[in-house]
Full PDB file with SEQRES, HELIX, SHEET, SSBOND, CRYST1, ORIGX, SCALE, CONECT and MASTER records, all heavy atoms in Angstrom:
SEQRES   1 A   38  LEU LEU VAL GLU VAL PHE GLY LEU THR TYR ALA TYR PHE          
SEQRES   2 A   38  TRP LEU LYS ASN ARG GLU ARG LYS HIS PHE GLU GLU SER          
SEQRES   3 A   38  PHE PRO ASP ALA LEU ASN MET LEU SER SER ALA VAL              
HELIX    1 AA1 LEU A    2  ALA A   37  1                                  36    
CRYST1    1.000    1.000    1.000  90.00  90.00  90.00 P 1           1          
ORIGX1      1.000000  0.000000  0.000000        0.00000                         
ORIGX2      0.000000  1.000000  0.000000        0.00000                         
ORIGX3      0.000000  0.000000  1.000000        0.00000                         
SCALE1      1.000000  0.000000  0.000000        0.00000                         
SCALE2      0.000000  1.000000  0.000000        0.00000                         
SCALE3      0.000000  0.000000  1.000000        0.00000                         
ATOM      1  N   LEU A   1       0.828  -1.210   0.000  1.00  0.00           N  
ATOM      2  CA  LEU A   1       0.000   0.000   0.000  1.00  0.00           C  
ATOM      3  C   LEU A   1       0.866   1.266   0.000  1.00  0.00           C  
ATOM      4  O   LEU A   1       0.613   2.216  -0.764  1.00  0.00           O  
ATOM      5  CB  LEU A   1      -0.927  -0.012   1.213  1.00  0.00           C  
ATOM      6  CG  LEU A   1      -1.855   1.199   1.367  1.00  0.00           C  
ATOM      7  CD1 LEU A   1      -2.799   1.305   0.169  1.00  0.00           C  
ATOM      8  CD2 LEU A   1      -2.652   1.102   2.666  1.00  0.00           C  
ATOM      9  N   LEU A   2       1.898   1.287   0.836  1.00  0.00           N  
ATOM     10  CA  LEU A   2       2.772   2.463   0.905  1.00  0.00           C  
ATOM     11  C   LEU A   2       3.514   2.683  -0.408  1.00  0.00           C  
ATOM     12  O   LEU A   2       3.621   3.823  -0.895  1.00  0.00           O  
ATOM     13  CB  LEU A   2       3.765   2.308   2.060  1.00  0.00           C  
ATOM     14  CG  LEU A   2       3.194   2.355   3.475  1.00  0.00           C  
ATOM     15  CD1 LEU A   2       4.281   2.088   4.502  1.00  0.00           C  
ATOM     16  CD2 LEU A   2       2.536   3.706   3.734  1.00  0.00           C  
ATOM     17  N   VAL A   3       4.035   1.611  -0.989  1.00  0.00           N  
ATOM     18  CA  VAL A   3       4.764   1.744  -2.249  1.00  0.00           C  
ATOM     19  C   VAL A   3       3.832   2.171  -3.380  1.00  0.00           C  
ATOM     20  O   VAL A   3       4.203   2.991  -4.229  1.00  0.00           O  
ATOM     21  CB  VAL A   3       5.475   0.415  -2.587  1.00  0.00           C  
ATOM     22  CG1 VAL A   3       6.092   0.479  -3.982  1.00  0.00           C  
ATOM     23  CG2 VAL A   3       6.554   0.126  -1.562  1.00  0.00           C  
ATOM     24  N   GLU A   4       2.602   1.646  -3.382  1.00  0.00           N  
ATOM     25  CA  GLU A   4       1.645   2.040  -4.419  1.00  0.00           C  
ATOM     26  C   GLU A   4       1.317   3.529  -4.308  1.00  0.00           C  
ATOM     27  O   GLU A   4       1.300   4.245  -5.315  1.00  0.00           O  
ATOM     28  CB  GLU A   4       0.356   1.214  -4.274  1.00  0.00           C  
ATOM     29  CG  GLU A   4       0.496  -0.244  -4.642  1.00  0.00           C  
ATOM     30  CD  GLU A   4       0.485  -0.472  -6.136  1.00  0.00           C  
ATOM     31  OE1 GLU A   4       0.251   0.493  -6.888  1.00  0.00           O  
ATOM     32  OE2 GLU A   4       0.711  -1.618  -6.565  1.00  0.00           O  
ATOM     33  N   VAL A   5       1.064   4.002  -3.092  1.00  0.00           N  
ATOM     34  CA  VAL A   5       0.729   5.413  -2.903  1.00  0.00           C  
ATOM     35  C   VAL A   5       1.907   6.301  -3.308  1.00  0.00           C  
ATOM     36  O   VAL A   5       1.740   7.290  -4.037  1.00  0.00           O  
ATOM     37  CB  VAL A   5       0.327   5.677  -1.439  1.00  0.00           C  
ATOM     38  CG1 VAL A   5       0.181   7.172  -1.184  1.00  0.00           C  
ATOM     39  CG2 VAL A   5      -0.978   4.960  -1.117  1.00  0.00           C  
ATOM     40  N   PHE A   6       3.101   5.964  -2.849  1.00  0.00           N  
ATOM     41  CA  PHE A   6       4.277   6.764  -3.176  1.00  0.00           C  
ATOM     42  C   PHE A   6       4.575   6.729  -4.677  1.00  0.00           C  
ATOM     43  O   PHE A   6       4.872   7.760  -5.281  1.00  0.00           O  
ATOM     44  CB  PHE A   6       5.478   6.241  -2.392  1.00  0.00           C  
ATOM     45  CG  PHE A   6       6.749   6.984  -2.692  1.00  0.00           C  
ATOM     46  CD1 PHE A   6       6.996   8.215  -2.115  1.00  0.00           C  
ATOM     47  CD2 PHE A   6       7.697   6.452  -3.555  1.00  0.00           C  
ATOM     48  CE1 PHE A   6       8.164   8.916  -2.391  1.00  0.00           C  
ATOM     49  CE2 PHE A   6       8.866   7.135  -3.839  1.00  0.00           C  
ATOM     50  CZ  PHE A   6       9.101   8.373  -3.253  1.00  0.00           C  
ATOM     51  N   GLY A   7       4.492   5.549  -5.288  1.00  0.00           N  
ATOM     52  CA  GLY A   7       4.790   5.420  -6.713  1.00  0.00           C  
ATOM     53  C   GLY A   7       3.799   6.161  -7.587  1.00  0.00           C  
ATOM     54  O   GLY A   7       4.192   6.853  -8.534  1.00  0.00           O  
ATOM     55  N   LEU A   8       2.500   6.036  -7.289  1.00  0.00           N  
ATOM     56  CA  LEU A   8       1.495   6.734  -8.092  1.00  0.00           C  
ATOM     57  C   LEU A   8       1.583   8.242  -7.901  1.00  0.00           C  
ATOM     58  O   LEU A   8       1.382   9.004  -8.854  1.00  0.00           O  
ATOM     59  CB  LEU A   8       0.096   6.227  -7.709  1.00  0.00           C  
ATOM     60  CG  LEU A   8      -0.206   4.768  -8.088  1.00  0.00           C  
ATOM     61  CD1 LEU A   8      -1.580   4.366  -7.592  1.00  0.00           C  
ATOM     62  CD2 LEU A   8      -0.109   4.560  -9.600  1.00  0.00           C  
ATOM     63  N   THR A   9       1.885   8.683  -6.671  1.00  0.00           N  
ATOM     64  CA  THR A   9       2.051  10.119  -6.429  1.00  0.00           C  
ATOM     65  C   THR A   9       3.242  10.667  -7.211  1.00  0.00           C  
ATOM     66  O   THR A   9       3.173  11.735  -7.834  1.00  0.00           O  
ATOM     67  CB  THR A   9       2.238  10.396  -4.933  1.00  0.00           C  
ATOM     68  OG1 THR A   9       1.117   9.873  -4.208  1.00  0.00           O  
ATOM     69  CG2 THR A   9       2.350  11.887  -4.661  1.00  0.00           C  
ATOM     70  N   TYR A  10       4.336   9.928  -7.184  1.00  0.00           N  
ATOM     71  CA  TYR A  10       5.522  10.356  -7.937  1.00  0.00           C  
ATOM     72  C   TYR A  10       5.222  10.383  -9.434  1.00  0.00           C  
ATOM     73  O   TYR A  10       5.649  11.310 -10.147  1.00  0.00           O  
ATOM     74  CB  TYR A  10       6.682   9.418  -7.643  1.00  0.00           C  
ATOM     75  CG  TYR A  10       7.928   9.728  -8.432  1.00  0.00           C  
ATOM     76  CD1 TYR A  10       8.806  10.729  -8.019  1.00  0.00           C  
ATOM     77  CD2 TYR A  10       8.233   9.033  -9.604  1.00  0.00           C  
ATOM     78  CE1 TYR A  10       9.942  11.032  -8.745  1.00  0.00           C  
ATOM     79  CE2 TYR A  10       9.371   9.324 -10.335  1.00  0.00           C  
ATOM     80  CZ  TYR A  10      10.217  10.324  -9.897  1.00  0.00           C  
ATOM     81  OH  TYR A  10      11.340  10.624 -10.630  1.00  0.00           O  
ATOM     82  N   ALA A  11       4.495   9.377  -9.931  1.00  0.00           N  
ATOM     83  CA  ALA A  11       4.159   9.336 -11.361  1.00  0.00           C  
ATOM     84  C   ALA A  11       3.272  10.517 -11.749  1.00  0.00           C  
ATOM     85  O   ALA A  11       3.439  11.100 -12.836  1.00  0.00           O  
ATOM     86  CB  ALA A  11       3.462   8.021 -11.697  1.00  0.00           C  
ATOM     87  N   TYR A  12       2.340  10.880 -10.863  1.00  0.00           N  
ATOM     88  CA  TYR A  12       1.467  12.013 -11.160  1.00  0.00           C  
ATOM     89  C   TYR A  12       2.266  13.315 -11.276  1.00  0.00           C  
ATOM     90  O   TYR A  12       2.087  14.084 -12.227  1.00  0.00           O  
ATOM     91  CB  TYR A  12       0.404  12.146 -10.060  1.00  0.00           C  
ATOM     92  CG  TYR A  12      -0.355  13.442 -10.095  1.00  0.00           C  
ATOM     93  CD1 TYR A  12      -1.307  13.688 -11.080  1.00  0.00           C  
ATOM     94  CD2 TYR A  12      -0.122  14.437  -9.144  1.00  0.00           C  
ATOM     95  CE1 TYR A  12      -2.004  14.884 -11.122  1.00  0.00           C  
ATOM     96  CE2 TYR A  12      -0.813  15.632  -9.179  1.00  0.00           C  
ATOM     97  CZ  TYR A  12      -1.754  15.852 -10.165  1.00  0.00           C  
ATOM     98  OH  TYR A  12      -2.433  17.035 -10.206  1.00  0.00           O  
ATOM     99  N   PHE A  13       3.158  13.567 -10.314  1.00  0.00           N  
ATOM    100  CA  PHE A  13       3.952  14.795 -10.359  1.00  0.00           C  
ATOM    101  C   PHE A  13       4.947  14.774 -11.517  1.00  0.00           C  
ATOM    102  O   PHE A  13       5.272  15.818 -12.090  1.00  0.00           O  
ATOM    103  CB  PHE A  13       4.681  15.007  -9.034  1.00  0.00           C  
ATOM    104  CG  PHE A  13       3.778  15.517  -7.941  1.00  0.00           C  
ATOM    105  CD1 PHE A  13       3.371  14.688  -6.912  1.00  0.00           C  
ATOM    106  CD2 PHE A  13       3.337  16.826  -7.949  1.00  0.00           C  
ATOM    107  CE1 PHE A  13       2.541  15.153  -5.916  1.00  0.00           C  
ATOM    108  CE2 PHE A  13       2.511  17.305  -6.952  1.00  0.00           C  
ATOM    109  CZ  PHE A  13       2.102  16.468  -5.931  1.00  0.00           C  
ATOM    110  N   TRP A  14       5.427  13.578 -11.877  1.00  0.00           N  
ATOM    111  CA  TRP A  14       6.334  13.481 -13.020  1.00  0.00           C  
ATOM    112  C   TRP A  14       5.612  13.850 -14.311  1.00  0.00           C  
ATOM    113  O   TRP A  14       6.156  14.589 -15.147  1.00  0.00           O  
ATOM    114  CB  TRP A  14       6.901  12.072 -13.111  1.00  0.00           C  
ATOM    115  CG  TRP A  14       7.854  11.889 -14.238  1.00  0.00           C  
ATOM    116  CD1 TRP A  14       9.175  12.234 -14.269  1.00  0.00           C  
ATOM    117  CD2 TRP A  14       7.562  11.331 -15.538  1.00  0.00           C  
ATOM    118  NE1 TRP A  14       9.725  11.925 -15.492  1.00  0.00           N  
ATOM    119  CE2 TRP A  14       8.767  11.376 -16.286  1.00  0.00           C  
ATOM    120  CE3 TRP A  14       6.408  10.802 -16.108  1.00  0.00           C  
ATOM    121  CZ2 TRP A  14       8.829  10.894 -17.586  1.00  0.00           C  
ATOM    122  CZ3 TRP A  14       6.470  10.344 -17.414  1.00  0.00           C  
ATOM    123  CH2 TRP A  14       7.674  10.376 -18.137  1.00  0.00           C  
ATOM    124  N   LEU A  15       4.399  13.354 -14.491  1.00  0.00           N  
ATOM    125  CA  LEU A  15       3.614  13.710 -15.668  1.00  0.00           C  
ATOM    126  C   LEU A  15       3.298  15.206 -15.687  1.00  0.00           C  
ATOM    127  O   LEU A  15       3.355  15.852 -16.736  1.00  0.00           O  
ATOM    128  CB  LEU A  15       2.312  12.903 -15.692  1.00  0.00           C  
ATOM    129  CG  LEU A  15       2.418  11.413 -16.000  1.00  0.00           C  
ATOM    130  CD1 LEU A  15       1.060  10.737 -15.811  1.00  0.00           C  
ATOM    131  CD2 LEU A  15       2.926  11.178 -17.407  1.00  0.00           C  
ATOM    132  N   LYS A  16       2.978  15.741 -14.513  1.00  0.00           N  
ATOM    133  CA  LYS A  16       2.650  17.166 -14.419  1.00  0.00           C  
ATOM    134  C   LYS A  16       3.859  18.031 -14.774  1.00  0.00           C  
ATOM    135  O   LYS A  16       3.734  19.017 -15.520  1.00  0.00           O  
ATOM    136  CB  LYS A  16       2.161  17.472 -13.004  1.00  0.00           C  
ATOM    137  CG  LYS A  16       1.557  18.844 -12.829  1.00  0.00           C  
ATOM    138  CD  LYS A  16       0.992  18.993 -11.436  1.00  0.00           C  
ATOM    139  CE  LYS A  16       0.366  20.376 -11.253  1.00  0.00           C  
ATOM    140  NZ  LYS A  16      -0.196  20.522  -9.882  1.00  0.00           N  
ATOM    141  N   ASN A  17       5.022  17.675 -14.253  1.00  0.00           N  
ATOM    142  CA  ASN A  17       6.233  18.438 -14.559  1.00  0.00           C  
ATOM    143  C   ASN A  17       6.638  18.299 -16.021  1.00  0.00           C  
ATOM    144  O   ASN A  17       7.129  19.259 -16.634  1.00  0.00           O  
ATOM    145  CB  ASN A  17       7.380  17.986 -13.656  1.00  0.00           C  
ATOM    146  CG  ASN A  17       7.149  18.341 -12.203  1.00  0.00           C  
ATOM    147  OD1 ASN A  17       6.467  19.319 -11.899  1.00  0.00           O  
ATOM    148  ND2 ASN A  17       7.703  17.558 -11.299  1.00  0.00           N  
ATOM    149  N   ARG A  18       6.443  17.099 -16.581  1.00  0.00           N  
ATOM    150  CA  ARG A  18       6.775  16.911 -17.992  1.00  0.00           C  
ATOM    151  C   ARG A  18       5.878  17.763 -18.879  1.00  0.00           C  
ATOM    152  O   ARG A  18       6.352  18.369 -19.849  1.00  0.00           O  
ATOM    153  CB  ARG A  18       6.622  15.435 -18.371  1.00  0.00           C  
ATOM    154  CG  ARG A  18       7.076  15.120 -19.784  1.00  0.00           C  
ATOM    155  CD  ARG A  18       6.756  13.694 -20.170  1.00  0.00           C  
ATOM    156  NE  ARG A  18       5.335  13.452 -20.247  1.00  0.00           N  
ATOM    157  CZ  ARG A  18       4.784  12.340 -20.733  1.00  0.00           C  
ATOM    158  NH1 ARG A  18       5.555  11.372 -21.167  1.00  0.00           N  
ATOM    159  NH2 ARG A  18       3.475  12.190 -20.764  1.00  0.00           N  
ATOM    160  N   GLU A  19       4.593  17.848 -18.543  1.00  0.00           N  
ATOM    161  CA  GLU A  19       3.683  18.670 -19.334  1.00  0.00           C  
ATOM    162  C   GLU A  19       4.054  20.146 -19.227  1.00  0.00           C  
ATOM    163  O   GLU A  19       4.029  20.877 -20.225  1.00  0.00           O  
ATOM    164  CB  GLU A  19       2.250  18.458 -18.864  1.00  0.00           C  
ATOM    165  CG  GLU A  19       1.240  19.247 -19.686  1.00  0.00           C  
ATOM    166  CD  GLU A  19      -0.167  19.115 -19.143  1.00  0.00           C  
ATOM    167  OE1 GLU A  19      -0.346  19.293 -17.923  1.00  0.00           O  
ATOM    168  OE2 GLU A  19      -1.082  18.852 -19.929  1.00  0.00           O  
ATOM    169  N   ARG A  20       4.401  20.587 -18.019  1.00  0.00           N  
ATOM    170  CA  ARG A  20       4.782  21.989 -17.863  1.00  0.00           C  
ATOM    171  C   ARG A  20       6.058  22.304 -18.644  1.00  0.00           C  
ATOM    172  O   ARG A  20       6.184  23.380 -19.240  1.00  0.00           O  
ATOM    173  CB  ARG A  20       4.980  22.308 -16.382  1.00  0.00           C  
ATOM    174  CG  ARG A  20       5.410  23.748 -16.142  1.00  0.00           C  
ATOM    175  CD  ARG A  20       5.153  24.181 -14.741  1.00  0.00           C  
ATOM    176  NE  ARG A  20       5.323  25.617 -14.593  1.00  0.00           N  
ATOM    177  CZ  ARG A  20       4.869  26.337 -13.592  1.00  0.00           C  
ATOM    178  NH1 ARG A  20       4.184  25.736 -12.634  1.00  0.00           N  
ATOM    179  NH2 ARG A  20       5.073  27.625 -13.519  1.00  0.00           N  
ATOM    180  N   LYS A  21       6.985  21.365 -18.649  1.00  0.00           N  
ATOM    181  CA  LYS A  21       8.217  21.572 -19.407  1.00  0.00           C  
ATOM    182  C   LYS A  21       7.921  21.696 -20.896  1.00  0.00           C  
ATOM    183  O   LYS A  21       8.462  22.588 -21.572  1.00  0.00           O  
ATOM    184  CB  LYS A  21       9.174  20.412 -19.154  1.00  0.00           C  
ATOM    185  CG  LYS A  21      10.506  20.547 -19.862  1.00  0.00           C  
ATOM    186  CD  LYS A  21      11.415  19.376 -19.548  1.00  0.00           C  
ATOM    187  CE  LYS A  21      12.738  19.501 -20.290  1.00  0.00           C  
ATOM    188  NZ  LYS A  21      13.633  18.336 -20.006  1.00  0.00           N  
ATOM    189  N   HIS A  22       7.064  20.834 -21.421  1.00  0.00           N  
ATOM    190  CA  HIS A  22       6.693  20.925 -22.825  1.00  0.00           C  
ATOM    191  C   HIS A  22       5.962  22.231 -23.127  1.00  0.00           C  
ATOM    192  O   HIS A  22       6.160  22.837 -24.191  1.00  0.00           O  
ATOM    193  CB  HIS A  22       5.813  19.735 -23.212  1.00  0.00           C  
ATOM    194  CG  HIS A  22       6.546  18.440 -23.230  1.00  0.00           C  
ATOM    195  ND1 HIS A  22       5.894  17.217 -23.304  1.00  0.00           N  
ATOM    196  CD2 HIS A  22       7.876  18.152 -23.165  1.00  0.00           C  
ATOM    197  CE1 HIS A  22       6.797  16.249 -23.299  1.00  0.00           C  
ATOM    198  NE2 HIS A  22       8.003  16.792 -23.220  1.00  0.00           N  
ATOM    199  N   PHE A  23       5.120  22.664 -22.180  1.00  0.00           N  
ATOM    200  CA  PHE A  23       4.407  23.923 -22.376  1.00  0.00           C  
ATOM    201  C   PHE A  23       5.380  25.099 -22.445  1.00  0.00           C  
ATOM    202  O   PHE A  23       5.264  25.964 -23.325  1.00  0.00           O  
ATOM    203  CB  PHE A  23       3.411  24.127 -21.241  1.00  0.00           C  
ATOM    204  CG  PHE A  23       2.831  25.516 -21.178  1.00  0.00           C  
ATOM    205  CD1 PHE A  23       1.785  25.871 -22.008  1.00  0.00           C  
ATOM    206  CD2 PHE A  23       3.338  26.457 -20.297  1.00  0.00           C  
ATOM    207  CE1 PHE A  23       1.243  27.152 -21.967  1.00  0.00           C  
ATOM    208  CE2 PHE A  23       2.813  27.741 -20.248  1.00  0.00           C  
ATOM    209  CZ  PHE A  23       1.765  28.091 -21.079  1.00  0.00           C  
ATOM    210  N   GLU A  24       6.335  25.141 -21.529  1.00  0.00           N  
ATOM    211  CA  GLU A  24       7.286  26.254 -21.507  1.00  0.00           C  
ATOM    212  C   GLU A  24       8.183  26.261 -22.732  1.00  0.00           C  
ATOM    213  O   GLU A  24       8.691  27.321 -23.122  1.00  0.00           O  
ATOM    214  CB  GLU A  24       8.132  26.170 -20.236  1.00  0.00           C  
ATOM    215  CG  GLU A  24       7.334  26.440 -18.962  1.00  0.00           C  
ATOM    216  CD  GLU A  24       8.155  26.252 -17.710  1.00  0.00           C  
ATOM    217  OE1 GLU A  24       9.300  25.728 -17.823  1.00  0.00           O  
ATOM    218  OE2 GLU A  24       7.675  26.609 -16.623  1.00  0.00           O  
ATOM    219  N   GLU A  25       8.383  25.107 -23.353  1.00  0.00           N  
ATOM    220  CA  GLU A  25       9.177  25.062 -24.572  1.00  0.00           C  
ATOM    221  C   GLU A  25       8.388  25.485 -25.805  1.00  0.00           C  
ATOM    222  O   GLU A  25       8.956  26.052 -26.745  1.00  0.00           O  
ATOM    223  CB  GLU A  25       9.727  23.639 -24.773  1.00  0.00           C  
ATOM    224  CG  GLU A  25      10.772  23.225 -23.741  1.00  0.00           C  
ATOM    225  CD  GLU A  25      11.223  21.794 -23.937  1.00  0.00           C  
ATOM    226  OE1 GLU A  25      10.605  21.097 -24.780  1.00  0.00           O  
ATOM    227  OE2 GLU A  25      12.157  21.374 -23.234  1.00  0.00           O  
ATOM    228  N   SER A  26       7.076  25.216 -25.813  1.00  0.00           N  
ATOM    229  CA  SER A  26       6.270  25.480 -27.006  1.00  0.00           C  
ATOM    230  C   SER A  26       5.554  26.819 -26.961  1.00  0.00           C  
ATOM    231  O   SER A  26       5.291  27.404 -28.022  1.00  0.00           O  
ATOM    232  CB  SER A  26       5.228  24.356 -27.185  1.00  0.00           C  
ATOM    233  OG  SER A  26       5.850  23.100 -27.311  1.00  0.00           O  
ATOM    234  N   PHE A  27       5.225  27.307 -25.776  1.00  0.00           N  
ATOM    235  CA  PHE A  27       4.406  28.518 -25.687  1.00  0.00           C  
ATOM    236  C   PHE A  27       5.087  29.749 -26.287  1.00  0.00           C  
ATOM    237  O   PHE A  27       4.415  30.561 -26.948  1.00  0.00           O  
ATOM    238  CB  PHE A  27       4.019  28.766 -24.235  1.00  0.00           C  
ATOM    239  CG  PHE A  27       3.012  29.866 -24.057  1.00  0.00           C  
ATOM    240  CD1 PHE A  27       1.794  29.832 -24.723  1.00  0.00           C  
ATOM    241  CD2 PHE A  27       3.279  30.947 -23.231  1.00  0.00           C  
ATOM    242  CE1 PHE A  27       0.871  30.850 -24.570  1.00  0.00           C  
ATOM    243  CE2 PHE A  27       2.361  31.958 -23.068  1.00  0.00           C  
ATOM    244  CZ  PHE A  27       1.151  31.917 -23.735  1.00  0.00           C  
ATOM    245  N   PRO A  28       6.399  29.979 -26.069  1.00  0.00           N  
ATOM    246  CA  PRO A  28       7.024  31.133 -26.741  1.00  0.00           C  
ATOM    247  C   PRO A  28       6.916  31.079 -28.260  1.00  0.00           C  
ATOM    248  O   PRO A  28       6.756  32.122 -28.911  1.00  0.00           O  
ATOM    249  CB  PRO A  28       8.487  31.051 -26.274  1.00  0.00           C  
ATOM    250  CG  PRO A  28       8.424  30.362 -24.961  1.00  0.00           C  
ATOM    251  CD  PRO A  28       7.332  29.357 -25.116  1.00  0.00           C  
ATOM    252  N   ASP A  29       6.991  29.877 -28.839  1.00  0.00           N  
ATOM    253  CA  ASP A  29       6.822  29.761 -30.295  1.00  0.00           C  
ATOM    254  C   ASP A  29       5.400  30.135 -30.707  1.00  0.00           C  
ATOM    255  O   ASP A  29       5.193  30.763 -31.756  1.00  0.00           O  
ATOM    256  CB  ASP A  29       7.138  28.334 -30.740  1.00  0.00           C  
ATOM    257  CG  ASP A  29       8.582  27.953 -30.466  1.00  0.00           C  
ATOM    258  OD1 ASP A  29       9.439  28.853 -30.465  1.00  0.00           O  
ATOM    259  OD2 ASP A  29       8.856  26.756 -30.239  1.00  0.00           O  
ATOM    260  N   ALA A  30       4.414  29.738 -29.865  1.00  0.00           N  
ATOM    261  CA  ALA A  30       3.028  30.111 -30.158  1.00  0.00           C  
ATOM    262  C   ALA A  30       2.847  31.630 -30.104  1.00  0.00           C  
ATOM    263  O   ALA A  30       2.160  32.215 -30.949  1.00  0.00           O  
ATOM    264  CB  ALA A  30       2.085  29.419 -29.170  1.00  0.00           C  
ATOM    265  N   LEU A  31       3.469  32.275 -29.126  1.00  0.00           N  
ATOM    266  CA  LEU A  31       3.384  33.731 -29.034  1.00  0.00           C  
ATOM    267  C   LEU A  31       4.044  34.396 -30.240  1.00  0.00           C  
ATOM    268  O   LEU A  31       3.545  35.414 -30.751  1.00  0.00           O  
ATOM    269  CB  LEU A  31       4.054  34.212 -27.750  1.00  0.00           C  
ATOM    270  CG  LEU A  31       3.314  33.932 -26.437  1.00  0.00           C  
ATOM    271  CD1 LEU A  31       4.129  34.438 -25.264  1.00  0.00           C  
ATOM    272  CD2 LEU A  31       1.937  34.575 -26.443  1.00  0.00           C  
ATOM    273  N   ASN A  32       5.149  33.834 -30.681  1.00  0.00           N  
ATOM    274  CA  ASN A  32       5.838  34.390 -31.849  1.00  0.00           C  
ATOM    275  C   ASN A  32       4.964  34.295 -33.102  1.00  0.00           C  
ATOM    276  O   ASN A  32       4.863  35.249 -33.901  1.00  0.00           O  
ATOM    277  CB  ASN A  32       7.155  33.654 -32.049  1.00  0.00           C  
ATOM    278  CG  ASN A  32       8.063  34.355 -33.041  1.00  0.00           C  
ATOM    279  OD1 ASN A  32       7.925  35.549 -33.291  1.00  0.00           O  
ATOM    280  ND2 ASN A  32       8.988  33.612 -33.608  1.00  0.00           N  
ATOM    281  N   MET A  33       4.324  33.130 -33.293  1.00  0.00           N  
ATOM    282  CA  MET A  33       3.423  32.973 -34.436  1.00  0.00           C  
ATOM    283  C   MET A  33       2.229  33.916 -34.338  1.00  0.00           C  
ATOM    284  O   MET A  33       1.803  34.523 -35.330  1.00  0.00           O  
ATOM    285  CB  MET A  33       2.924  31.526 -34.514  1.00  0.00           C  
ATOM    286  CG  MET A  33       3.983  30.512 -34.874  1.00  0.00           C  
ATOM    287  SD  MET A  33       3.293  28.837 -34.996  1.00  0.00           S  
ATOM    288  CE  MET A  33       4.775  27.910 -35.376  1.00  0.00           C  
ATOM    289  N   LEU A  34       1.674  34.041 -33.126  1.00  0.00           N  
ATOM    290  CA  LEU A  34       0.519  34.912 -32.939  1.00  0.00           C  
ATOM    291  C   LEU A  34       0.880  36.369 -33.219  1.00  0.00           C  
ATOM    292  O   LEU A  34       0.122  37.096 -33.874  1.00  0.00           O  
ATOM    293  CB  LEU A  34      -0.005  34.765 -31.512  1.00  0.00           C  
ATOM    294  CG  LEU A  34      -1.317  35.485 -31.183  1.00  0.00           C  
ATOM    295  CD1 LEU A  34      -2.466  34.877 -31.973  1.00  0.00           C  
ATOM    296  CD2 LEU A  34      -1.605  35.411 -29.691  1.00  0.00           C  
ATOM    297  N   SER A  35       2.048  36.781 -32.730  1.00  0.00           N  
ATOM    298  CA  SER A  35       2.497  38.156 -32.977  1.00  0.00           C  
ATOM    299  C   SER A  35       2.716  38.405 -34.461  1.00  0.00           C  
ATOM    300  O   SER A  35       2.362  39.467 -34.988  1.00  0.00           O  
ATOM    301  CB  SER A  35       3.785  38.419 -32.194  1.00  0.00           C  
ATOM    302  OG  SER A  35       4.267  39.715 -32.436  1.00  0.00           O  
ATOM    303  N   SER A  36       3.274  37.418 -35.165  1.00  0.00           N  
ATOM    304  CA  SER A  36       3.503  37.574 -36.613  1.00  0.00           C  
ATOM    305  C   SER A  36       2.193  37.665 -37.377  1.00  0.00           C  
ATOM    306  O   SER A  36       2.051  38.472 -38.307  1.00  0.00           O  
ATOM    307  CB  SER A  36       4.342  36.405 -37.128  1.00  0.00           C  
ATOM    308  OG  SER A  36       5.594  36.338 -36.480  1.00  0.00           O  
ATOM    309  N   ALA A  37       1.209  36.848 -36.970  1.00  0.00           N  
ATOM    310  CA  ALA A  37      -0.083  36.881 -37.654  1.00  0.00           C  
ATOM    311  C   ALA A  37      -0.807  38.204 -37.420  1.00  0.00           C  
ATOM    312  O   ALA A  37      -1.412  38.764 -38.341  1.00  0.00           O  
ATOM    313  CB  ALA A  37      -0.942  35.715 -37.179  1.00  0.00           C  
ATOM    314  N   VAL A  38      -0.750  38.709 -36.188  1.00  0.00           N  
ATOM    315  CA  VAL A  38      -1.382  39.996 -35.894  1.00  0.00           C  
ATOM    316  C   VAL A  38      -0.688  41.115 -36.649  1.00  0.00           C  
ATOM    317  O   VAL A  38      -1.324  42.045 -37.160  1.00  0.00           O  
ATOM    318  CB  VAL A  38      -1.368  40.250 -34.365  1.00  0.00           C  
ATOM    319  CG1 VAL A  38      -1.836  41.664 -34.052  1.00  0.00           C  
ATOM    320  CG2 VAL A  38      -2.257  39.244 -33.654  1.00  0.00           C  
TER     321      VAL A  38                                                      
MASTER        0    0    0    1    0    0    0    6  320    1    0    3          
END                                                                             
């Protein structure tokens, strides 16, 4: 039970951090495209 709780919690935060990292890498490019289109 303890290992399951710790492992799933770690997996959740790992997925969350990975998504934020991808967002921070892609969002400036989106702003650049949006600024160019405007």
